[in-house]
Amino acid sequence: MNNKKIITFFTEFENDFPKLVRNKIPKLIIKNEGKPAVTQVEKNKLNLINLIKKKIVEESMELFSYNKKEDIIYGVADIIETIEKLKHETNISIKEINYCRKVKNKIYGSFKKSIILISK
């Protein structure tokens, strides 16, 4: 996927509703003379988890567009915040994640060598 297609995809994805937002975003929209329509996800965990996963993709696409270190830090912080919410809602611990990372590193290796796959 070339950069133009990625930017187009991101723009369409960014404006896709409903989407999970940080708690203070609706108030900021109102402050800027907007009229946000909001609701809270009720007890449907699957719907909430899907919205969180969608948010991770959105934040990742946003990160992809950043080039400056400060922006990258900001984008990574957003992704980590969203992953923390996913961990909380799915009762996944950092211990479980780190174990999985170790297993995958043993089987597939890590990204330390920055190997680029040119073809398969």
N, C-alpha and C. Protein backbone atom coordinates (compact mmCIF):
# COMPACT_ATOMS: atom_id res chain seq x y z
N MET A 1 0.85 -1.17 0.00
CA MET A 1 0.00 0.00 0.00
C MET A 1 0.90 1.24 0.00
N ASN A 2 0.73 2.11 -0.99
CA ASN A 2 1.57 3.30 -1.03
C ASN A 2 1.05 4.37 -0.06
N ASN A 3 1.86 5.41 0.15
CA ASN A 3 1.51 6.45 1.13
C ASN A 3 0.19 7.14 0.83
N LYS A 4 -0.10 7.40 -0.45
CA LYS A 4 -1.34 8.07 -0.82
C LYS A 4 -2.55 7.23 -0.42
N LYS A 5 -2.47 5.92 -0.67
CA LYS A 5 -3.56 5.01 -0.30
C LYS A 5 -3.70 4.94 1.23
N ILE A 6 -2.57 4.95 1.94
CA ILE A 6 -2.61 4.90 3.40
C ILE A 6 -3.27 6.16 3.96
N ILE A 7 -2.91 7.32 3.42
CA ILE A 7 -3.49 8.58 3.89
C ILE A 7 -4.99 8.60 3.60
N THR A 8 -5.39 8.14 2.43
CA THR A 8 -6.82 8.08 2.09
C THR A 8 -7.55 7.14 3.05
N PHE A 9 -6.97 5.97 3.28
CA PHE A 9 -7.56 5.00 4.21
C PHE A 9 -7.69 5.61 5.60
N PHE A 10 -6.62 6.28 6.06
CA PHE A 10 -6.62 6.87 7.39
C PHE A 10 -7.69 7.95 7.50
N THR A 11 -7.81 8.80 6.50
CA THR A 11 -8.81 9.88 6.53
C THR A 11 -10.21 9.29 6.62
N GLU A 12 -10.49 8.26 5.83
CA GLU A 12 -11.80 7.62 5.88
C GLU A 12 -12.02 6.93 7.23
N PHE A 13 -10.98 6.28 7.74
CA PHE A 13 -11.07 5.55 9.01
C PHE A 13 -11.26 6.51 10.18
N GLU A 14 -10.56 7.65 10.12
CA GLU A 14 -10.63 8.63 11.20
C GLU A 14 -12.03 9.22 11.34
N ASN A 15 -12.74 9.33 10.24
CA ASN A 15 -14.08 9.90 10.26
C ASN A 15 -15.18 8.85 10.34
N ASP A 16 -14.82 7.64 10.69
CA ASP A 16 -15.77 6.54 10.81
C ASP A 16 -16.34 6.53 12.23
N PHE A 17 -17.64 6.60 12.34
CA PHE A 17 -18.29 6.62 13.65
C PHE A 17 -19.21 5.43 13.77
N PRO A 18 -19.51 4.93 14.95
CA PRO A 18 -19.07 5.40 16.26
C PRO A 18 -17.62 5.01 16.53
N LYS A 19 -16.96 5.78 17.38
CA LYS A 19 -15.59 5.44 17.75
C LYS A 19 -15.35 5.81 19.20
N LEU A 20 -14.46 5.07 19.80
CA LEU A 20 -14.08 5.30 21.19
C LEU A 20 -13.21 6.55 21.26
N VAL A 21 -13.49 7.41 22.23
CA VAL A 21 -12.68 8.61 22.42
C VAL A 21 -12.33 8.76 23.90
N ARG A 22 -11.31 9.55 24.16
CA ARG A 22 -10.94 9.85 25.55
C ARG A 22 -12.08 10.59 26.23
N ASN A 23 -12.15 10.47 27.55
CA ASN A 23 -13.27 10.99 28.35
C ASN A 23 -13.56 12.47 28.14
N LYS A 24 -12.54 13.29 27.93
CA LYS A 24 -12.73 14.74 27.85
C LYS A 24 -12.97 15.26 26.43
N ILE A 25 -12.91 14.40 25.44
CA ILE A 25 -13.07 14.83 24.04
C ILE A 25 -14.43 15.48 23.78
N PRO A 26 -15.55 14.92 24.25
CA PRO A 26 -16.83 15.59 23.98
C PRO A 26 -16.88 17.03 24.52
N LYS A 27 -16.33 17.26 25.71
CA LYS A 27 -16.31 18.62 26.27
C LYS A 27 -15.44 19.55 25.43
N LEU A 28 -14.34 19.04 24.91
CA LEU A 28 -13.48 19.85 24.04
C LEU A 28 -14.19 20.20 22.74
N ILE A 29 -14.96 19.26 22.21
CA ILE A 29 -15.73 19.52 20.98
C ILE A 29 -16.77 20.60 21.25
N ILE A 30 -17.47 20.53 22.38
CA ILE A 30 -18.46 21.54 22.76
C ILE A 30 -17.79 22.90 22.91
N LYS A 31 -16.65 22.93 23.56
CA LYS A 31 -15.89 24.17 23.76
C LYS A 31 -15.55 24.83 22.42
N ASN A 32 -15.34 24.01 21.39
CA ASN A 32 -15.04 24.51 20.05
C ASN A 32 -16.30 24.62 19.19
N GLU A 33 -17.44 24.80 19.87
CA GLU A 33 -18.73 25.04 19.24
C GLU A 33 -19.27 23.87 18.43
N GLY A 34 -18.84 22.67 18.76
CA GLY A 34 -19.38 21.48 18.13
C GLY A 34 -20.54 20.94 18.95
N LYS A 35 -21.25 19.99 18.39
CA LYS A 35 -22.38 19.36 19.06
C LYS A 35 -22.23 17.84 18.95
N PRO A 36 -21.36 17.26 19.79
CA PRO A 36 -21.12 15.82 19.67
C PRO A 36 -22.31 14.99 20.14
N ALA A 37 -22.57 13.94 19.42
CA ALA A 37 -23.56 12.95 19.84
C ALA A 37 -22.76 11.82 20.49
N VAL A 38 -23.02 11.55 21.76
CA VAL A 38 -22.24 10.55 22.48
C VAL A 38 -23.14 9.57 23.23
N THR A 39 -22.56 8.44 23.54
CA THR A 39 -23.20 7.45 24.39
C THR A 39 -22.07 6.67 25.06
N GLN A 40 -22.40 5.86 26.02
CA GLN A 40 -21.42 4.97 26.62
C GLN A 40 -21.77 3.54 26.25
N VAL A 41 -20.73 2.75 26.06
CA VAL A 41 -20.95 1.35 25.76
C VAL A 41 -21.52 0.71 27.02
N GLU A 42 -22.62 0.01 26.84
CA GLU A 42 -23.23 -0.63 27.99
C GLU A 42 -22.52 -1.94 28.30
N LYS A 43 -23.22 -2.90 28.77
CA LYS A 43 -22.60 -4.13 29.25
C LYS A 43 -22.13 -5.08 28.15
N ASN A 44 -22.26 -4.69 26.90
CA ASN A 44 -21.83 -5.52 25.80
C ASN A 44 -20.31 -5.45 25.65
N LYS A 45 -19.61 -6.33 26.35
CA LYS A 45 -18.13 -6.33 26.35
C LYS A 45 -17.55 -6.51 24.96
N LEU A 46 -18.17 -7.38 24.15
CA LEU A 46 -17.64 -7.64 22.82
C LEU A 46 -17.64 -6.36 22.00
N ASN A 47 -18.70 -5.59 22.07
CA ASN A 47 -18.77 -4.34 21.34
C ASN A 47 -17.69 -3.38 21.81
N LEU A 48 -17.49 -3.26 23.12
CA LEU A 48 -16.46 -2.39 23.66
C LEU A 48 -15.07 -2.85 23.21
N ILE A 49 -14.81 -4.13 23.29
CA ILE A 49 -13.51 -4.66 22.89
C ILE A 49 -13.25 -4.40 21.41
N ASN A 50 -14.27 -4.57 20.58
CA ASN A 50 -14.11 -4.27 19.15
C ASN A 50 -13.85 -2.79 18.92
N LEU A 51 -14.50 -1.91 19.68
CA LEU A 51 -14.25 -0.48 19.55
C LEU A 51 -12.82 -0.13 20.00
N ILE A 52 -12.33 -0.80 21.01
CA ILE A 52 -10.96 -0.57 21.47
C ILE A 52 -9.97 -1.03 20.40
N LYS A 53 -10.20 -2.20 19.82
CA LYS A 53 -9.30 -2.70 18.78
C LYS A 53 -9.32 -1.76 17.57
N LYS A 54 -10.49 -1.27 17.22
CA LYS A 54 -10.61 -0.30 16.13
C LYS A 54 -9.82 0.96 16.46
N LYS A 55 -9.87 1.39 17.71
CA LYS A 55 -9.15 2.59 18.14
C LYS A 55 -7.64 2.37 18.04
N ILE A 56 -7.18 1.17 18.35
CA ILE A 56 -5.75 0.86 18.22
C ILE A 56 -5.31 1.00 16.76
N VAL A 57 -6.14 0.51 15.84
CA VAL A 57 -5.82 0.65 14.41
C VAL A 57 -5.79 2.13 14.03
N GLU A 58 -6.78 2.89 14.47
CA GLU A 58 -6.84 4.33 14.18
C GLU A 58 -5.58 5.03 14.70
N GLU A 59 -5.22 4.77 15.94
CA GLU A 59 -4.04 5.40 16.54
C GLU A 59 -2.77 4.97 15.82
N SER A 60 -2.72 3.72 15.37
CA SER A 60 -1.55 3.22 14.63
C SER A 60 -1.42 3.92 13.28
N MET A 61 -2.53 4.12 12.60
CA MET A 61 -2.51 4.83 11.33
C MET A 61 -2.06 6.28 11.54
N GLU A 62 -2.50 6.88 12.61
CA GLU A 62 -2.08 8.24 12.93
C GLU A 62 -0.56 8.27 13.18
N LEU A 63 -0.07 7.32 13.95
CA LEU A 63 1.36 7.22 14.23
C LEU A 63 2.16 7.09 12.93
N PHE A 64 1.63 6.34 11.99
CA PHE A 64 2.31 6.13 10.72
C PHE A 64 2.58 7.45 10.00
N SER A 65 1.72 8.43 10.20
CA SER A 65 1.87 9.71 9.51
C SER A 65 2.88 10.64 10.18
N TYR A 66 3.35 10.29 11.36
CA TYR A 66 4.28 11.15 12.10
C TYR A 66 5.73 10.90 11.69
N ASN A 67 6.51 11.99 11.69
CA ASN A 67 7.94 11.89 11.39
C ASN A 67 8.81 12.49 12.50
N LYS A 68 8.30 13.48 13.20
CA LYS A 68 9.07 14.12 14.27
C LYS A 68 9.02 13.29 15.53
N LYS A 69 10.13 13.28 16.27
CA LYS A 69 10.22 12.49 17.50
C LYS A 69 9.09 12.83 18.47
N GLU A 70 8.81 14.13 18.65
CA GLU A 70 7.77 14.55 19.60
C GLU A 70 6.41 13.97 19.21
N ASP A 71 6.11 13.99 17.91
CA ASP A 71 4.85 13.45 17.42
C ASP A 71 4.79 11.93 17.61
N ILE A 72 5.92 11.27 17.36
CA ILE A 72 5.99 9.81 17.53
C ILE A 72 5.75 9.45 18.99
N ILE A 73 6.34 10.20 19.91
CA ILE A 73 6.12 9.96 21.35
C ILE A 73 4.64 10.10 21.67
N TYR A 74 4.02 11.14 21.16
CA TYR A 74 2.60 11.40 21.37
C TYR A 74 1.75 10.24 20.83
N GLY A 75 2.09 9.77 19.63
CA GLY A 75 1.35 8.67 19.02
C GLY A 75 1.51 7.37 19.77
N VAL A 76 2.73 7.07 20.19
CA VAL A 76 2.98 5.85 20.96
C VAL A 76 2.23 5.90 22.29
N ALA A 77 2.20 7.08 22.92
CA ALA A 77 1.46 7.23 24.18
C ALA A 77 -0.02 6.92 23.98
N ASP A 78 -0.60 7.37 22.86
CA ASP A 78 -2.00 7.07 22.57
C ASP A 78 -2.23 5.58 22.39
N ILE A 79 -1.31 4.93 21.69
CA ILE A 79 -1.45 3.48 21.46
C ILE A 79 -1.34 2.73 22.79
N ILE A 80 -0.37 3.11 23.61
CA ILE A 80 -0.20 2.44 24.90
C ILE A 80 -1.44 2.65 25.77
N GLU A 81 -1.97 3.86 25.79
CA GLU A 81 -3.19 4.13 26.56
C GLU A 81 -4.33 3.22 26.12
N THR A 82 -4.47 3.06 24.82
CA THR A 82 -5.55 2.23 24.27
C THR A 82 -5.30 0.75 24.58
N ILE A 83 -4.06 0.33 24.50
CA ILE A 83 -3.72 -1.06 24.84
C ILE A 83 -3.98 -1.32 26.32
N GLU A 84 -3.68 -0.35 27.17
CA GLU A 84 -3.96 -0.49 28.60
C GLU A 84 -5.47 -0.70 28.84
N LYS A 85 -6.29 0.02 28.09
CA LYS A 85 -7.75 -0.15 28.21
C LYS A 85 -8.15 -1.56 27.75
N LEU A 86 -7.56 -2.03 26.67
CA LEU A 86 -7.85 -3.38 26.18
C LEU A 86 -7.42 -4.43 27.20
N LYS A 87 -6.24 -4.25 27.78
CA LYS A 87 -5.77 -5.18 28.81
C LYS A 87 -6.76 -5.21 29.98
N HIS A 88 -7.21 -4.04 30.39
CA HIS A 88 -8.14 -3.97 31.52
C HIS A 88 -9.46 -4.69 31.21
N GLU A 89 -10.01 -4.42 30.05
CA GLU A 89 -11.33 -4.98 29.69
C GLU A 89 -11.27 -6.48 29.43
N THR A 90 -10.11 -7.00 29.07
CA THR A 90 -9.99 -8.43 28.78
C THR A 90 -9.27 -9.19 29.89
N ASN A 91 -8.95 -8.49 30.96
CA ASN A 91 -8.24 -9.09 32.11
C ASN A 91 -6.95 -9.78 31.68
N ILE A 92 -6.20 -9.14 30.81
CA ILE A 92 -4.90 -9.64 30.39
C ILE A 92 -3.83 -8.90 31.18
N SER A 93 -2.88 -9.64 31.73
CA SER A 93 -1.82 -9.01 32.53
C SER A 93 -0.58 -8.78 31.68
N ILE A 94 0.26 -7.87 32.13
CA ILE A 94 1.53 -7.62 31.45
C ILE A 94 2.41 -8.86 31.52
N LYS A 95 2.25 -9.65 32.57
CA LYS A 95 3.00 -10.90 32.70
C LYS A 95 2.64 -11.85 31.55
N GLU A 96 1.34 -11.96 31.24
CA GLU A 96 0.90 -12.82 30.14
C GLU A 96 1.44 -12.32 28.80
N ILE A 97 1.41 -11.02 28.62
CA ILE A 97 1.91 -10.43 27.37
C ILE A 97 3.40 -10.67 27.23
N ASN A 98 4.15 -10.43 28.29
CA ASN A 98 5.60 -10.64 28.22
C ASN A 98 5.96 -12.10 27.99
N TYR A 99 5.19 -13.02 28.58
CA TYR A 99 5.42 -14.44 28.33
C TYR A 99 5.22 -14.75 26.84
N CYS A 100 4.14 -14.22 26.28
CA CYS A 100 3.85 -14.44 24.86
C CYS A 100 4.96 -13.84 23.99
N ARG A 101 5.45 -12.67 24.36
CA ARG A 101 6.55 -12.05 23.61
C ARG A 101 7.78 -12.94 23.63
N LYS A 102 8.09 -13.51 24.79
CA LYS A 102 9.27 -14.38 24.91
C LYS A 102 9.11 -15.62 24.05
N VAL A 103 7.93 -16.22 24.06
CA VAL A 103 7.67 -17.41 23.25
C VAL A 103 7.82 -17.07 21.77
N LYS A 104 7.20 -15.96 21.34
CA LYS A 104 7.28 -15.57 19.93
C LYS A 104 8.71 -15.23 19.53
N ASN A 105 9.45 -14.58 20.43
CA ASN A 105 10.85 -14.26 20.14
C ASN A 105 11.67 -15.53 19.98
N LYS A 106 11.37 -16.54 20.80
CA LYS A 106 12.10 -17.81 20.71
C LYS A 106 11.79 -18.51 19.38
N ILE A 107 10.52 -18.50 18.99
CA ILE A 107 10.10 -19.20 17.76
C ILE A 107 10.45 -18.40 16.51
N TYR A 108 10.12 -17.11 16.50
CA TYR A 108 10.24 -16.29 15.29
C TYR A 108 11.38 -15.27 15.32
N GLY A 109 11.95 -15.04 16.50
CA GLY A 109 12.96 -14.01 16.64
C GLY A 109 12.31 -12.69 17.02
N SER A 110 13.15 -11.67 17.20
CA SER A 110 12.64 -10.35 17.55
C SER A 110 12.84 -9.41 16.36
N PHE A 111 12.73 -8.13 16.60
CA PHE A 111 12.96 -7.14 15.55
C PHE A 111 14.31 -6.45 15.71
N LYS A 112 15.16 -6.97 16.58
CA LYS A 112 16.44 -6.33 16.90
C LYS A 112 17.35 -6.14 15.69
N LYS A 113 17.34 -7.07 14.76
CA LYS A 113 18.23 -6.99 13.60
C LYS A 113 17.65 -6.16 12.46
N SER A 114 16.42 -5.70 12.60
CA SER A 114 15.76 -4.86 11.57
C SER A 114 15.79 -5.49 10.19
N ILE A 115 15.48 -6.77 10.13
CA ILE A 115 15.47 -7.49 8.86
C ILE A 115 14.23 -7.09 8.05
N ILE A 116 14.44 -6.80 6.77
CA ILE A 116 13.38 -6.40 5.87
C ILE A 116 13.12 -7.54 4.89
N LEU A 117 11.89 -8.01 4.79
CA LEU A 117 11.51 -9.06 3.84
C LEU A 117 11.17 -8.41 2.50
N ILE A 118 11.91 -8.76 1.46
CA ILE A 118 11.72 -8.18 0.13
C ILE A 118 10.70 -8.98 -0.68
N SER A 119 10.74 -10.28 -0.54
CA SER A 119 9.77 -11.13 -1.24
C SER A 119 9.61 -12.41 -0.46
N LYS A 120 8.63 -13.19 -0.84
CA LYS A 120 8.33 -14.43 -0.13
C LYS A 120 8.37 -15.60 -1.09
